[in-house]
Amino acid sequence: MTKSRYIILPLLLALCLVACGQGGEESQEPITVESAIDEGRRAAKRLVHQEFEDSMQLQLALLEAKAKQSRYLIAGDTVAAQAFDTAFVSLLRCVKPELATILER
């Protein structure tokens, strides 16, 4: 196993644990499509304003955004999850199309 896998696997596990741990806090608030859209845009803005030194940093940032979207899927709200994804990708296409192209591969 390469060194990068030793780094990525614990990071992925930590990200999953954080995403699962936040579900209990968020479940008290009603999930709306508007809040999913806003969160998708905020996640995209964080990506747009970051400079990535390598593809590993980009992958980690994309995993963090995916973890946010997965909260909607875990709650069973596929409409909100789709709204998050649409807002996320749309903002990336407008501001950093090269990043959106990488994401859509």
C-alpha atoms as a PDB file:
ATOM      1  CA  MET A   1       0.000   0.000   0.000  1.00  0.00           C
ATOM      2  CA  THR A   2       1.401   3.363  -0.928  1.00  0.00           C
ATOM      3  CA  LYS A   3       1.959   6.203   1.510  1.00  0.00           C
ATOM      4  CA  SER A   4      -0.899   8.203   0.034  1.00  0.00           C
ATOM      5  CA  ARG A   5      -3.347   5.427   0.911  1.00  0.00           C
ATOM      6  CA  TYR A   6      -2.150   5.518   4.508  1.00  0.00           C
ATOM      7  CA  ILE A   7      -3.088   9.186   4.546  1.00  0.00           C
ATOM      8  CA  ILE A   8      -6.333   9.039   2.583  1.00  0.00           C
ATOM      9  CA  LEU A   9      -8.002   6.119   4.333  1.00  0.00           C
ATOM     10  CA  PRO A  10      -7.877   7.671   7.833  1.00  0.00           C
ATOM     11  CA  LEU A  11      -9.048  10.991   6.390  1.00  0.00           C
ATOM     12  CA  LEU A  12     -11.989   9.303   4.690  1.00  0.00           C
ATOM     13  CA  LEU A  13     -12.891   7.501   7.885  1.00  0.00           C
ATOM     14  CA  ALA A  14     -12.705  10.733   9.880  1.00  0.00           C
ATOM     15  CA  LEU A  15     -14.858  12.508   7.300  1.00  0.00           C
ATOM     16  CA  CYS A  16     -17.484   9.780   7.437  1.00  0.00           C
ATOM     17  CA  LEU A  17     -17.549   9.914  11.217  1.00  0.00           C
ATOM     18  CA  VAL A  18     -17.966  13.675  11.190  1.00  0.00           C
ATOM     19  CA  ALA A  19     -20.762  13.473   8.645  1.00  0.00           C
ATOM     20  CA  CYS A  20     -22.570  10.811  10.653  1.00  0.00           C
ATOM     21  CA  GLY A  21     -22.050  12.664  13.902  1.00  0.00           C
ATOM     22  CA  GLN A  22     -23.580  15.854  12.546  1.00  0.00           C
ATOM     23  CA  GLY A  23     -26.767  14.066  11.506  1.00  0.00           C
ATOM     24  CA  GLY A  24     -28.182  14.121  15.020  1.00  0.00           C
ATOM     25  CA  GLU A  25     -27.718  17.860  15.382  1.00  0.00           C
ATOM     26  CA  GLU A  26     -29.139  18.674  11.972  1.00  0.00           C
ATOM     27  CA  SER A  27     -32.156  16.390  12.324  1.00  0.00           C
ATOM     28  CA  GLN A  28     -33.775  18.853  14.732  1.00  0.00           C
ATOM     29  CA  GLU A  29     -34.060  21.463  11.974  1.00  0.00           C
ATOM     30  CA  PRO A  30     -36.468  20.896   9.115  1.00  0.00           C
ATOM     31  CA  ILE A  31     -34.682  20.120   5.864  1.00  0.00           C
ATOM     32  CA  THR A  32     -35.777  22.343   3.033  1.00  0.00           C
ATOM     33  CA  VAL A  33     -34.748  22.506  -0.564  1.00  0.00           C
ATOM     34  CA  GLU A  34     -33.762  26.152  -0.097  1.00  0.00           C
ATOM     35  CA  SER A  35     -31.357  25.290   2.713  1.00  0.00           C
ATOM     36  CA  ALA A  36     -29.877  22.501   0.574  1.00  0.00           C
ATOM     37  CA  ILE A  37     -29.339  24.945  -2.281  1.00  0.00           C
ATOM     38  CA  ASP A  38     -27.693  27.461   0.056  1.00  0.00           C
ATOM     39  CA  GLU A  39     -25.439  24.794   1.525  1.00  0.00           C
ATOM     40  CA  GLY A  40     -24.489  23.565  -1.956  1.00  0.00           C
ATOM     41  CA  ARG A  41     -23.517  27.082  -2.964  1.00  0.00           C
ATOM     42  CA  ARG A  42     -21.476  27.601   0.228  1.00  0.00           C
ATOM     43  CA  ALA A  43     -19.636  24.314  -0.357  1.00  0.00           C
ATOM     44  CA  ALA A  44     -18.851  25.329  -3.942  1.00  0.00           C
ATOM     45  CA  LYS A  45     -17.646  28.771  -2.846  1.00  0.00           C
ATOM     46  CA  ARG A  46     -15.190  27.138  -0.451  1.00  0.00           C
ATOM     47  CA  LEU A  47     -13.801  25.082  -3.334  1.00  0.00           C
ATOM     48  CA  VAL A  48     -13.610  28.065  -5.666  1.00  0.00           C
ATOM     49  CA  HIS A  49     -11.569  30.128  -3.222  1.00  0.00           C
ATOM     50  CA  GLN A  50      -9.069  27.372  -2.431  1.00  0.00           C
ATOM     51  CA  GLU A  51      -5.814  26.772  -4.220  1.00  0.00           C
ATOM     52  CA  PHE A  52      -4.925  23.096  -4.478  1.00  0.00           C
ATOM     53  CA  GLU A  53      -1.296  22.040  -4.448  1.00  0.00           C
ATOM     54  CA  ASP A  54      -2.101  18.548  -5.658  1.00  0.00           C
ATOM     55  CA  SER A  55      -5.001  16.315  -6.639  1.00  0.00           C
ATOM     56  CA  MET A  56      -5.156  14.805  -3.145  1.00  0.00           C
ATOM     57  CA  GLN A  57      -6.205  18.149  -1.667  1.00  0.00           C
ATOM     58  CA  LEU A  58      -8.843  18.538  -4.359  1.00  0.00           C
ATOM     59  CA  GLN A  59     -10.175  15.044  -3.681  1.00  0.00           C
ATOM     60  CA  LEU A  60     -10.386  15.751   0.045  1.00  0.00           C
ATOM     61  CA  ALA A  61     -12.296  19.003  -0.566  1.00  0.00           C
ATOM     62  CA  LEU A  62     -14.703  17.180  -2.892  1.00  0.00           C
ATOM     63  CA  LEU A  63     -15.213  14.462  -0.270  1.00  0.00           C
ATOM     64  CA  GLU A  64     -16.085  17.101   2.312  1.00  0.00           C
ATOM     65  CA  ALA A  65     -18.735  18.512  -0.029  1.00  0.00           C
ATOM     66  CA  LYS A  66     -20.040  15.016  -0.718  1.00  0.00           C
ATOM     67  CA  ALA A  67     -20.291  14.382   3.030  1.00  0.00           C
ATOM     68  CA  LYS A  68     -22.511  17.452   3.342  1.00  0.00           C
ATOM     69  CA  GLN A  69     -24.734  16.193   0.544  1.00  0.00           C
ATOM     70  CA  SER A  70     -24.918  12.738   2.105  1.00  0.00           C
ATOM     71  CA  ARG A  71     -26.689  14.153   5.167  1.00  0.00           C
ATOM     72  CA  TYR A  72     -29.713  14.767   2.947  1.00  0.00           C
ATOM     73  CA  LEU A  73     -29.505  11.260   1.536  1.00  0.00           C
ATOM     74  CA  ILE A  74     -29.232   9.745   5.016  1.00  0.00           C
ATOM     75  CA  ALA A  75     -32.337  11.713   6.028  1.00  0.00           C
ATOM     76  CA  GLY A  76     -34.075  10.195   2.995  1.00  0.00           C
ATOM     77  CA  ASP A  77     -34.584  13.517   1.214  1.00  0.00           C
ATOM     78  CA  THR A  78     -33.400  12.831  -2.318  1.00  0.00           C
ATOM     79  CA  VAL A  79     -34.957  16.065  -3.586  1.00  0.00           C
ATOM     80  CA  ALA A  80     -32.830  18.150  -1.196  1.00  0.00           C
ATOM     81  CA  ALA A  81     -29.744  16.063  -2.060  1.00  0.00           C
ATOM     82  CA  GLN A  82     -30.326  16.713  -5.761  1.00  0.00           C
ATOM     83  CA  ALA A  83     -30.862  20.427  -5.074  1.00  0.00           C
ATOM     84  CA  PHE A  84     -27.545  20.531  -3.179  1.00  0.00           C
ATOM     85  CA  ASP A  85     -25.744  18.808  -6.052  1.00  0.00           C
ATOM     86  CA  THR A  86     -27.312  21.026  -8.716  1.00  0.00           C
ATOM     87  CA  ALA A  87     -26.436  24.230  -6.856  1.00  0.00           C
ATOM     88  CA  PHE A  88     -22.915  22.965  -6.155  1.00  0.00           C
ATOM     89  CA  VAL A  89     -22.146  22.031  -9.760  1.00  0.00           C
ATOM     90  CA  SER A  90     -23.890  25.103 -11.218  1.00  0.00           C
ATOM     91  CA  LEU A  91     -21.806  27.519  -9.180  1.00  0.00           C
ATOM     92  CA  LEU A  92     -18.623  25.649 -10.067  1.00  0.00           C
ATOM     93  CA  ARG A  93     -19.523  25.766 -13.768  1.00  0.00           C
ATOM     94  CA  CYS A  94     -20.032  29.532 -13.601  1.00  0.00           C
ATOM     95  CA  VAL A  95     -16.992  30.467 -11.547  1.00  0.00           C
ATOM     96  CA  LYS A  96     -14.418  27.727 -12.261  1.00  0.00           C
ATOM     97  CA  PRO A  97     -15.461  25.687 -15.280  1.00  0.00           C
ATOM     98  CA  GLU A  98     -12.180  23.742 -15.296  1.00  0.00           C
ATOM     99  CA  LEU A  99     -12.963  22.461 -11.804  1.00  0.00           C
ATOM    100  CA  ALA A 100     -16.500  21.512 -12.841  1.00  0.00           C
ATOM    101  CA  THR A 101     -15.082  19.581 -15.790  1.00  0.00           C
ATOM    102  CA  ILE A 102     -12.863  17.573 -13.429  1.00  0.00           C
ATOM    103  CA  LEU A 103     -15.807  16.931 -11.147  1.00  0.00           C
ATOM    104  CA  GLU A 104     -18.075  15.702 -13.927  1.00  0.00           C
ATOM    105  CA  ARG A 105     -15.618  13.063 -15.184  1.00  0.00           C
END
